Amino acid sequence: MVGEGFNEYLRIAGREIVTDPLELEWVAAEERLKCYQRYCSEVPANAEASLTCEYGERVSRRKATVPQPLPACTSCGMVLPRSMQCDYCDD
């Protein structure tokens, strides 16, 4: 991760400071791509900025661990079984 210190580069470059850590990583990814395009001869013309592998895995893991709410009965609020018919009331 680039961390807060990357904001100093942005400030010196006359760009807006980024407070969101994920957005800061995307700005850094765009800057890395610009460097690669300038100094590496083998960068494809259609190359796109991407997060580092390590940070990308961290972000995808974080998203994957967010549990989805289970469907609940509209009358009693109990979690519905797979049949989607409440065992506790007539709904």
PDB file of N, CA and C in Angstrom:
ATOM      1  N   MET A   1       0.842  -1.184   0.000  1.00  0.00           N
ATOM      2  CA  MET A   1       0.000   0.000   0.000  1.00  0.00           C
ATOM      3  C   MET A   1       0.879   1.235   0.000  1.00  0.00           C
ATOM      4  N   VAL A   2       0.397   2.263  -0.654  1.00  0.00           N
ATOM      5  CA  VAL A   2       1.191   3.485  -0.723  1.00  0.00           C
ATOM      6  C   VAL A   2       1.125   4.275   0.564  1.00  0.00           C
ATOM      7  N   GLY A   3       0.023   4.267   1.271  1.00  0.00           N
ATOM      8  CA  GLY A   3      -0.096   4.953   2.543  1.00  0.00           C
ATOM      9  C   GLY A   3      -0.273   6.459   2.403  1.00  0.00           C
ATOM     10  N   GLU A   4      -0.356   7.111   3.548  1.00  0.00           N
ATOM     11  CA  GLU A   4      -0.601   8.555   3.601  1.00  0.00           C
ATOM     12  C   GLU A   4       0.504   9.369   2.946  1.00  0.00           C
ATOM     13  N   GLY A   5       1.730   8.864   2.954  1.00  0.00           N
ATOM     14  CA  GLY A   5       2.844   9.605   2.364  1.00  0.00           C
ATOM     15  C   GLY A   5       2.648   9.909   0.894  1.00  0.00           C
ATOM     16  N   PHE A   6       1.835   9.118   0.202  1.00  0.00           N
ATOM     17  CA  PHE A   6       1.581   9.351  -1.217  1.00  0.00           C
ATOM     18  C   PHE A   6       0.860  10.674  -1.421  1.00  0.00           C
ATOM     19  N   ASN A   7       0.119  11.111  -0.416  1.00  0.00           N
ATOM     20  CA  ASN A   7      -0.557  12.411  -0.508  1.00  0.00           C
ATOM     21  C   ASN A   7       0.443  13.560  -0.619  1.00  0.00           C
ATOM     22  N   GLU A   8       1.628  13.394  -0.070  1.00  0.00           N
ATOM     23  CA  GLU A   8       2.654  14.435  -0.203  1.00  0.00           C
ATOM     24  C   GLU A   8       3.054  14.581  -1.667  1.00  0.00           C
ATOM     25  N   TYR A   9       3.189  13.456  -2.367  1.00  0.00           N
ATOM     26  CA  TYR A   9       3.468  13.509  -3.801  1.00  0.00           C
ATOM     27  C   TYR A   9       2.342  14.252  -4.528  1.00  0.00           C
ATOM     28  N   LEU A  10       1.097  13.920  -4.188  1.00  0.00           N
ATOM     29  CA  LEU A  10      -0.040  14.579  -4.831  1.00  0.00           C
ATOM     30  C   LEU A  10      -0.026  16.082  -4.558  1.00  0.00           C
ATOM     31  N   ARG A  11       0.280  16.453  -3.320  1.00  0.00           N
ATOM     32  CA  ARG A  11       0.328  17.873  -2.961  1.00  0.00           C
ATOM     33  C   ARG A  11       1.394  18.598  -3.774  1.00  0.00           C
ATOM     34  N   ILE A  12       2.594  18.024  -3.861  1.00  0.00           N
ATOM     35  CA  ILE A  12       3.692  18.635  -4.618  1.00  0.00           C
ATOM     36  C   ILE A  12       3.340  18.731  -6.098  1.00  0.00           C
ATOM     37  N   ALA A  13       2.613  17.729  -6.601  1.00  0.00           N
ATOM     38  CA  ALA A  13       2.213  17.723  -8.006  1.00  0.00           C
ATOM     39  C   ALA A  13       1.039  18.656  -8.276  1.00  0.00           C
ATOM     40  N   GLY A  14       0.533  19.310  -7.221  1.00  0.00           N
ATOM     41  CA  GLY A  14      -0.574  20.242  -7.386  1.00  0.00           C
ATOM     42  C   GLY A  14      -1.918  19.565  -7.530  1.00  0.00           C
ATOM     43  N   ARG A  15      -2.000  18.334  -7.056  1.00  0.00           N
ATOM     44  CA  ARG A  15      -3.250  17.594  -7.166  1.00  0.00           C
ATOM     45  C   ARG A  15      -3.962  17.548  -5.828  1.00  0.00           C
ATOM     46  N   GLU A  16      -5.210  17.182  -5.868  1.00  0.00           N
ATOM     47  CA  GLU A  16      -6.046  17.126  -4.671  1.00  0.00           C
ATOM     48  C   GLU A  16      -5.634  15.964  -3.767  1.00  0.00           C
ATOM     49  N   ILE A  17      -5.635  16.191  -2.460  1.00  0.00           N
ATOM     50  CA  ILE A  17      -5.327  15.170  -1.464  1.00  0.00           C
ATOM     51  C   ILE A  17      -6.482  14.163  -1.434  1.00  0.00           C
ATOM     52  N   VAL A  18      -6.153  12.882  -1.275  1.00  0.00           N
ATOM     53  CA  VAL A  18      -7.157  11.822  -1.246  1.00  0.00           C
ATOM     54  C   VAL A  18      -7.213  11.242   0.160  1.00  0.00           C
ATOM     55  N   THR A  19      -8.398  11.228   0.758  1.00  0.00           N
ATOM     56  CA  THR A  19      -8.523  10.734   2.132  1.00  0.00           C
ATOM     57  C   THR A  19      -8.969   9.281   2.205  1.00  0.00           C
ATOM     58  N   ASP A  20      -9.705   8.795   1.216  1.00  0.00           N
ATOM     59  CA  ASP A  20     -10.174   7.408   1.214  1.00  0.00           C
ATOM     60  C   ASP A  20      -9.016   6.480   0.833  1.00  0.00           C
ATOM     61  N   PRO A  21      -8.668   5.491   1.684  1.00  0.00           N
ATOM     62  CA  PRO A  21      -7.527   4.616   1.403  1.00  0.00           C
ATOM     63  C   PRO A  21      -7.644   3.849   0.079  1.00  0.00           C
ATOM     64  N   LEU A  22      -8.822   3.347  -0.245  1.00  0.00           N
ATOM     65  CA  LEU A  22      -8.996   2.607  -1.493  1.00  0.00           C
ATOM     66  C   LEU A  22      -8.832   3.529  -2.698  1.00  0.00           C
ATOM     67  N   GLU A  23      -9.412   4.703  -2.627  1.00  0.00           N
ATOM     68  CA  GLU A  23      -9.262   5.672  -3.721  1.00  0.00           C
ATOM     69  C   GLU A  23      -7.798   6.075  -3.883  1.00  0.00           C
ATOM     70  N   LEU A  24      -7.086   6.218  -2.763  1.00  0.00           N
ATOM     71  CA  LEU A  24      -5.664   6.559  -2.810  1.00  0.00           C
ATOM     72  C   LEU A  24      -4.872   5.472  -3.534  1.00  0.00           C
ATOM     73  N   GLU A  25      -5.218   4.212  -3.298  1.00  0.00           N
ATOM     74  CA  GLU A  25      -4.555   3.108  -3.988  1.00  0.00           C
ATOM     75  C   GLU A  25      -4.829   3.153  -5.489  1.00  0.00           C
ATOM     76  N   TRP A  26      -6.042   3.537  -5.876  1.00  0.00           N
ATOM     77  CA  TRP A  26      -6.356   3.640  -7.309  1.00  0.00           C
ATOM     78  C   TRP A  26      -5.590   4.786  -7.964  1.00  0.00           C
ATOM     79  N   VAL A  27      -5.452   5.903  -7.260  1.00  0.00           N
ATOM     80  CA  VAL A  27      -4.662   7.022  -7.798  1.00  0.00           C
ATOM     81  C   VAL A  27      -3.216   6.577  -7.978  1.00  0.00           C
ATOM     82  N   ALA A  28      -2.689   5.851  -6.998  1.00  0.00           N
ATOM     83  CA  ALA A  28      -1.320   5.338  -7.098  1.00  0.00           C
ATOM     84  C   ALA A  28      -1.194   4.358  -8.260  1.00  0.00           C
ATOM     85  N   ALA A  29      -2.206   3.536  -8.477  1.00  0.00           N
ATOM     86  CA  ALA A  29      -2.176   2.581  -9.585  1.00  0.00           C
ATOM     87  C   ALA A  29      -2.121   3.315 -10.924  1.00  0.00           C
ATOM     88  N   GLU A  30      -2.875   4.396 -11.040  1.00  0.00           N
ATOM     89  CA  GLU A  30      -2.845   5.190 -12.275  1.00  0.00           C
ATOM     90  C   GLU A  30      -1.472   5.824 -12.484  1.00  0.00           C
ATOM     91  N   GLU A  31      -0.865   6.284 -11.410  1.00  0.00           N
ATOM     92  CA  GLU A  31       0.471   6.886 -11.508  1.00  0.00           C
ATOM     93  C   GLU A  31       1.519   5.841 -11.881  1.00  0.00           C
ATOM     94  N   ARG A  32       1.388   4.624 -11.309  1.00  0.00           N
ATOM     95  CA  ARG A  32       2.313   3.544 -11.669  1.00  0.00           C
ATOM     96  C   ARG A  32       2.212   3.220 -13.150  1.00  0.00           C
ATOM     97  N   LEU A  33       0.990   3.164 -13.651  1.00  0.00           N
ATOM     98  CA  LEU A  33       0.792   2.863 -15.067  1.00  0.00           C
ATOM     99  C   LEU A  33       1.446   3.932 -15.942  1.00  0.00           C
ATOM    100  N   LYS A  34       1.315   5.194 -15.551  1.00  0.00           N
ATOM    101  CA  LYS A  34       1.962   6.274 -16.321  1.00  0.00           C
ATOM    102  C   LYS A  34       3.474   6.066 -16.356  1.00  0.00           C
ATOM    103  N   CYS A  35       4.056   5.659 -15.229  1.00  0.00           N
ATOM    104  CA  CYS A  35       5.509   5.396 -15.187  1.00  0.00           C
ATOM    105  C   CYS A  35       5.873   4.239 -16.111  1.00  0.00           C
ATOM    106  N   TYR A  36       5.088   3.157 -16.028  1.00  0.00           N
ATOM    107  CA  TYR A  36       5.357   2.005 -16.885  1.00  0.00           C
ATOM    108  C   TYR A  36       5.275   2.395 -18.355  1.00  0.00           C
ATOM    109  N   GLN A  37       4.262   3.163 -18.712  1.00  0.00           N
ATOM    110  CA  GLN A  37       4.085   3.563 -20.106  1.00  0.00           C
ATOM    111  C   GLN A  37       5.248   4.435 -20.587  1.00  0.00           C
ATOM    112  N   ARG A  38       5.780   5.239 -19.698  1.00  0.00           N
ATOM    113  CA  ARG A  38       6.865   6.137 -20.091  1.00  0.00           C
ATOM    114  C   ARG A  38       8.215   5.423 -20.174  1.00  0.00           C
ATOM    115  N   TYR A  39       8.488   4.540 -19.209  1.00  0.00           N
ATOM    116  CA  TYR A  39       9.834   3.983 -19.105  1.00  0.00           C
ATOM    117  C   TYR A  39       9.973   2.516 -19.521  1.00  0.00           C
ATOM    118  N   CYS A  40       8.874   1.830 -19.789  1.00  0.00           N
ATOM    119  CA  CYS A  40       8.943   0.426 -20.209  1.00  0.00           C
ATOM    120  C   CYS A  40       8.446   0.314 -21.642  1.00  0.00           C
ATOM    121  N   SER A  41       9.219  -0.329 -22.464  1.00  0.00           N
ATOM    122  CA  SER A  41       8.867  -0.416 -23.880  1.00  0.00           C
ATOM    123  C   SER A  41       7.822  -1.491 -24.172  1.00  0.00           C
ATOM    124  N   GLU A  42       7.562  -2.377 -23.237  1.00  0.00           N
ATOM    125  CA  GLU A  42       6.675  -3.508 -23.505  1.00  0.00           C
ATOM    126  C   GLU A  42       5.287  -3.376 -22.889  1.00  0.00           C
ATOM    127  N   VAL A  43       4.866  -2.179 -22.554  1.00  0.00           N
ATOM    128  CA  VAL A  43       3.536  -1.982 -21.981  1.00  0.00           C
ATOM    129  C   VAL A  43       2.529  -1.908 -23.131  1.00  0.00           C
ATOM    130  N   PRO A  44       1.499  -2.761 -23.110  1.00  0.00           N
ATOM    131  CA  PRO A  44       0.498  -2.730 -24.178  1.00  0.00           C
ATOM    132  C   PRO A  44      -0.221  -1.375 -24.229  1.00  0.00           C
ATOM    133  N   ALA A  45      -0.627  -0.977 -25.404  1.00  0.00           N
ATOM    134  CA  ALA A  45      -1.307   0.304 -25.581  1.00  0.00           C
ATOM    135  C   ALA A  45      -2.631   0.348 -24.825  1.00  0.00           C
ATOM    136  N   ASN A  46      -3.268  -0.803 -24.641  1.00  0.00           N
ATOM    137  CA  ASN A  46      -4.562  -0.827 -23.956  1.00  0.00           C
ATOM    138  C   ASN A  46      -4.443  -1.200 -22.470  1.00  0.00           C
ATOM    139  N   ALA A  47      -3.257  -1.084 -21.897  1.00  0.00           N
ATOM    140  CA  ALA A  47      -3.052  -1.426 -20.486  1.00  0.00           C
ATOM    141  C   ALA A  47      -3.913  -0.531 -19.602  1.00  0.00           C
ATOM    142  N   GLU A  48      -4.425  -1.115 -18.528  1.00  0.00           N
ATOM    143  CA  GLU A  48      -5.254  -0.380 -17.581  1.00  0.00           C
ATOM    144  C   GLU A  48      -4.616  -0.418 -16.200  1.00  0.00           C
ATOM    145  N   ALA A  49      -4.857   0.625 -15.436  1.00  0.00           N
ATOM    146  CA  ALA A  49      -4.356   0.679 -14.061  1.00  0.00           C
ATOM    147  C   ALA A  49      -5.042  -0.407 -13.235  1.00  0.00           C
ATOM    148  N   SER A  50      -4.287  -1.000 -12.309  1.00  0.00           N
ATOM    149  CA  SER A  50      -4.867  -1.996 -11.417  1.00  0.00           C
ATOM    150  C   SER A  50      -4.180  -1.916 -10.062  1.00  0.00           C
ATOM    151  N   LEU A  51      -4.891  -2.387  -9.055  1.00  0.00           N
ATOM    152  CA  LEU A  51      -4.325  -2.425  -7.715  1.00  0.00           C
ATOM    153  C   LEU A  51      -3.218  -3.456  -7.673  1.00  0.00           C
ATOM    154  N   THR A  52      -2.293  -3.323  -6.730  1.00  0.00           N
ATOM    155  CA  THR A  52      -1.270  -4.348  -6.568  1.00  0.00           C
ATOM    156  C   THR A  52      -1.966  -5.652  -6.189  1.00  0.00           C
ATOM    157  N   CYS A  53      -1.350  -6.772  -6.493  1.00  0.00           N
ATOM    158  CA  CYS A  53      -1.956  -8.077  -6.201  1.00  0.00           C
ATOM    159  C   CYS A  53      -2.302  -8.210  -4.723  1.00  0.00           C
ATOM    160  N   GLU A  54      -1.375  -7.806  -3.866  1.00  0.00           N
ATOM    161  CA  GLU A  54      -1.586  -7.939  -2.422  1.00  0.00           C
ATOM    162  C   GLU A  54      -2.780  -7.113  -1.953  1.00  0.00           C
ATOM    163  N   TYR A  55      -2.849  -5.853  -2.399  1.00  0.00           N
ATOM    164  CA  TYR A  55      -3.954  -5.000  -1.961  1.00  0.00           C
ATOM    165  C   TYR A  55      -5.261  -5.456  -2.603  1.00  0.00           C
ATOM    166  N   GLY A  56      -5.217  -5.880  -3.856  1.00  0.00           N
ATOM    167  CA  GLY A  56      -6.414  -6.378  -4.526  1.00  0.00           C
ATOM    168  C   GLY A  56      -7.013  -7.571  -3.803  1.00  0.00           C
ATOM    169  N   GLU A  57      -6.157  -8.506  -3.338  1.00  0.00           N
ATOM    170  CA  GLU A  57      -6.630  -9.656  -2.576  1.00  0.00           C
ATOM    171  C   GLU A  57      -7.244  -9.217  -1.251  1.00  0.00           C
ATOM    172  N   ARG A  58      -6.629  -8.254  -0.616  1.00  0.00           N
ATOM    173  CA  ARG A  58      -7.138  -7.757   0.663  1.00  0.00           C
ATOM    174  C   ARG A  58      -8.526  -7.146   0.479  1.00  0.00           C
ATOM    175  N   VAL A  59      -8.708  -6.378  -0.578  1.00  0.00           N
ATOM    176  CA  VAL A  59      -9.993  -5.736  -0.840  1.00  0.00           C
ATOM    177  C   VAL A  59     -11.046  -6.781  -1.191  1.00  0.00           C
ATOM    178  N   SER A  60     -10.712  -7.751  -2.031  1.00  0.00           N
ATOM    179  CA  SER A  60     -11.695  -8.759  -2.419  1.00  0.00           C
ATOM    180  C   SER A  60     -12.070  -9.651  -1.241  1.00  0.00           C
ATOM    181  N   ARG A  61     -11.117  -9.936  -0.361  1.00  0.00           N
ATOM    182  CA  ARG A  61     -11.421 -10.719   0.837  1.00  0.00           C
ATOM    183  C   ARG A  61     -12.381  -9.952   1.730  1.00  0.00           C
ATOM    184  N   ARG A  62     -12.152  -8.656   1.868  1.00  0.00           N
ATOM    185  CA  ARG A  62     -13.001  -7.840   2.716  1.00  0.00           C
ATOM    186  C   ARG A  62     -14.430  -7.842   2.180  1.00  0.00           C
ATOM    187  N   LYS A  63     -14.589  -7.756   0.870  1.00  0.00           N
ATOM    188  CA  LYS A  63     -15.913  -7.765   0.285  1.00  0.00           C
ATOM    189  C   LYS A  63     -16.569  -9.131   0.457  1.00  0.00           C
ATOM    190  N   ALA A  64     -15.796 -10.200   0.337  1.00  0.00           N
ATOM    191  CA  ALA A  64     -16.346 -11.551   0.414  1.00  0.00           C
ATOM    192  C   ALA A  64     -16.819 -11.895   1.816  1.00  0.00           C
ATOM    193  N   THR A  65     -16.299 -11.258   2.847  1.00  0.00           N
ATOM    194  CA  THR A  65     -16.662 -11.612   4.213  1.00  0.00           C
ATOM    195  C   THR A  65     -17.921 -10.904   4.691  1.00  0.00           C
ATOM    196  N   VAL A  66     -18.475 -10.023   3.903  1.00  0.00           N
ATOM    197  CA  VAL A  66     -19.694  -9.328   4.307  1.00  0.00           C
ATOM    198  C   VAL A  66     -20.867 -10.287   4.106  1.00  0.00           C
ATOM    199  N   PRO A  67     -21.510 -10.707   5.204  1.00  0.00           N
ATOM    200  CA  PRO A  67     -22.604 -11.666   5.067  1.00  0.00           C
ATOM    201  C   PRO A  67     -23.847 -11.005   4.460  1.00  0.00           C
ATOM    202  N   GLN A  68     -24.530 -11.750   3.629  1.00  0.00           N
ATOM    203  CA  GLN A  68     -25.769 -11.268   3.043  1.00  0.00           C
ATOM    204  C   GLN A  68     -26.901 -11.543   4.022  1.00  0.00           C
ATOM    205  N   PRO A  69     -27.834 -10.600   4.187  1.00  0.00           N
ATOM    206  CA  PRO A  69     -28.943 -10.850   5.114  1.00  0.00           C
ATOM    207  C   PRO A  69     -29.824 -11.979   4.592  1.00  0.00           C
ATOM    208  N   LEU A  70     -30.279 -12.797   5.516  1.00  0.00           N
ATOM    209  CA  LEU A  70     -31.155 -13.909   5.157  1.00  0.00           C
ATOM    210  C   LEU A  70     -32.583 -13.396   5.019  1.00  0.00           C
ATOM    211  N   PRO A  71     -33.375 -13.983   4.125  1.00  0.00           N
ATOM    212  CA  PRO A  71     -34.758 -13.534   3.975  1.00  0.00           C
ATOM    213  C   PRO A  71     -35.546 -13.818   5.254  1.00  0.00           C
ATOM    214  N   ALA A  72     -36.409 -12.884   5.609  1.00  0.00           N
ATOM    215  CA  ALA A  72     -37.187 -13.013   6.838  1.00  0.00           C
ATOM    216  C   ALA A  72     -38.676 -12.897   6.525  1.00  0.00           C
ATOM    217  N   CYS A  73     -39.469 -13.485   7.397  1.00  0.00           N
ATOM    218  CA  CYS A  73     -40.919 -13.422   7.281  1.00  0.00           C
ATOM    219  C   CYS A  73     -41.368 -11.973   7.478  1.00  0.00           C
ATOM    220  N   THR A  74     -42.264 -11.522   6.645  1.00  0.00           N
ATOM    221  CA  THR A  74     -42.741 -10.133   6.753  1.00  0.00           C
ATOM    222  C   THR A  74     -43.660  -9.927   7.938  1.00  0.00           C
ATOM    223  N   SER A  75     -44.234 -11.011   8.490  1.00  0.00           N
ATOM    224  CA  SER A  75     -45.138 -10.879   9.630  1.00  0.00           C
ATOM    225  C   SER A  75     -44.413 -10.969  10.972  1.00  0.00           C
ATOM    226  N   CYS A  76     -43.627 -12.042  11.150  1.00  0.00           N
ATOM    227  CA  CYS A  76     -43.014 -12.265  12.466  1.00  0.00           C
ATOM    228  C   CYS A  76     -41.515 -11.944  12.516  1.00  0.00           C
ATOM    229  N   GLY A  77     -40.888 -11.803  11.351  1.00  0.00           N
ATOM    230  CA  GLY A  77     -39.481 -11.441  11.317  1.00  0.00           C
ATOM    231  C   GLY A  77     -38.510 -12.604  11.442  1.00  0.00           C
ATOM    232  N   MET A  78     -39.023 -13.830  11.585  1.00  0.00           N
ATOM    233  CA  MET A  78     -38.141 -14.996  11.701  1.00  0.00           C
ATOM    234  C   MET A  78     -37.490 -15.283  10.346  1.00  0.00           C
ATOM    235  N   VAL A  79     -36.277 -15.829  10.387  1.00  0.00           N
ATOM    236  CA  VAL A  79     -35.573 -16.184   9.155  1.00  0.00           C
ATOM    237  C   VAL A  79     -36.343 -17.319   8.481  1.00  0.00           C
ATOM    238  N   LEU A  80     -36.548 -17.158   7.180  1.00  0.00           N
ATOM    239  CA  LEU A  80     -37.312 -18.150   6.433  1.00  0.00           C
ATOM    240  C   LEU A  80     -36.453 -19.367   6.090  1.00  0.00           C
ATOM    241  N   PRO A  81     -37.056 -20.569   6.110  1.00  0.00           N
ATOM    242  CA  PRO A  81     -36.326 -21.762   5.668  1.00  0.00           C
ATOM    243  C   PRO A  81     -36.210 -21.748   4.144  1.00  0.00           C
ATOM    244  N   ARG A  82     -35.554 -22.745   3.597  1.00  0.00           N
ATOM    245  CA  ARG A  82     -35.351 -22.803   2.133  1.00  0.00           C
ATOM    246  C   ARG A  82     -36.664 -22.831   1.363  1.00  0.00           C
ATOM    247  N   SER A  83     -37.716 -23.321   1.985  1.00  0.00           N
ATOM    248  CA  SER A  83     -39.024 -23.369   1.307  1.00  0.00           C
ATOM    249  C   SER A  83     -39.604 -21.967   1.118  1.00  0.00           C
ATOM    250  N   MET A  84     -39.020 -20.985   1.826  1.00  0.00           N
ATOM    251  CA  MET A  84     -39.457 -19.584   1.806  1.00  0.00           C
ATOM    252  C   MET A  84     -40.871 -19.417   2.354  1.00  0.00           C
ATOM    253  N   GLN A  85     -41.341 -20.390   3.146  1.00  0.00           N
ATOM    254  CA  GLN A  85     -42.636 -20.290   3.805  1.00  0.00           C
ATOM    255  C   GLN A  85     -42.394 -20.364   5.311  1.00  0.00           C
ATOM    256  N   CYS A  86     -42.934 -19.405   6.027  1.00  0.00           N
ATOM    257  CA  CYS A  86     -42.710 -19.311   7.464  1.00  0.00           C
ATOM    258  C   CYS A  86     -43.304 -20.502   8.207  1.00  0.00           C
ATOM    259  N   ASP A  87     -42.485 -21.096   9.082  1.00  0.00           N
ATOM    260  CA  ASP A  87     -42.940 -22.226   9.905  1.00  0.00           C
ATOM    261  C   ASP A  87     -43.684 -21.760  11.157  1.00  0.00           C
ATOM    262  N   TYR A  88     -43.658 -20.456  11.450  1.00  0.00           N
ATOM    263  CA  TYR A  88     -44.214 -19.940  12.703  1.00  0.00           C
ATOM    264  C   TYR A  88     -45.529 -19.195  12.535  1.00  0.00           C
ATOM    265  N   CYS A  89     -45.865 -18.847  11.336  1.00  0.00           N
ATOM    266  CA  CYS A  89     -47.139 -18.157  11.103  1.00  0.00           C
ATOM    267  C   CYS A  89     -47.689 -18.557   9.746  1.00  0.00           C
ATOM    268  N   ASP A  90     -48.778 -17.999   9.344  1.00  0.00           N
ATOM    269  CA  ASP A  90     -49.454 -18.412   8.109  1.00  0.00           C
ATOM    270  C   ASP A  90     -48.922 -17.737   6.860  1.00  0.00           C
ATOM    271  N   ASP A  91     -47.934 -16.875   6.957  1.00  0.00           N
ATOM    272  CA  ASP A  91     -47.420 -16.149   5.767  1.00  0.00           C
ATOM    273  C   ASP A  91     -46.420 -16.941   5.004  1.00  0.00           C
TER     274      ASP A  91
END
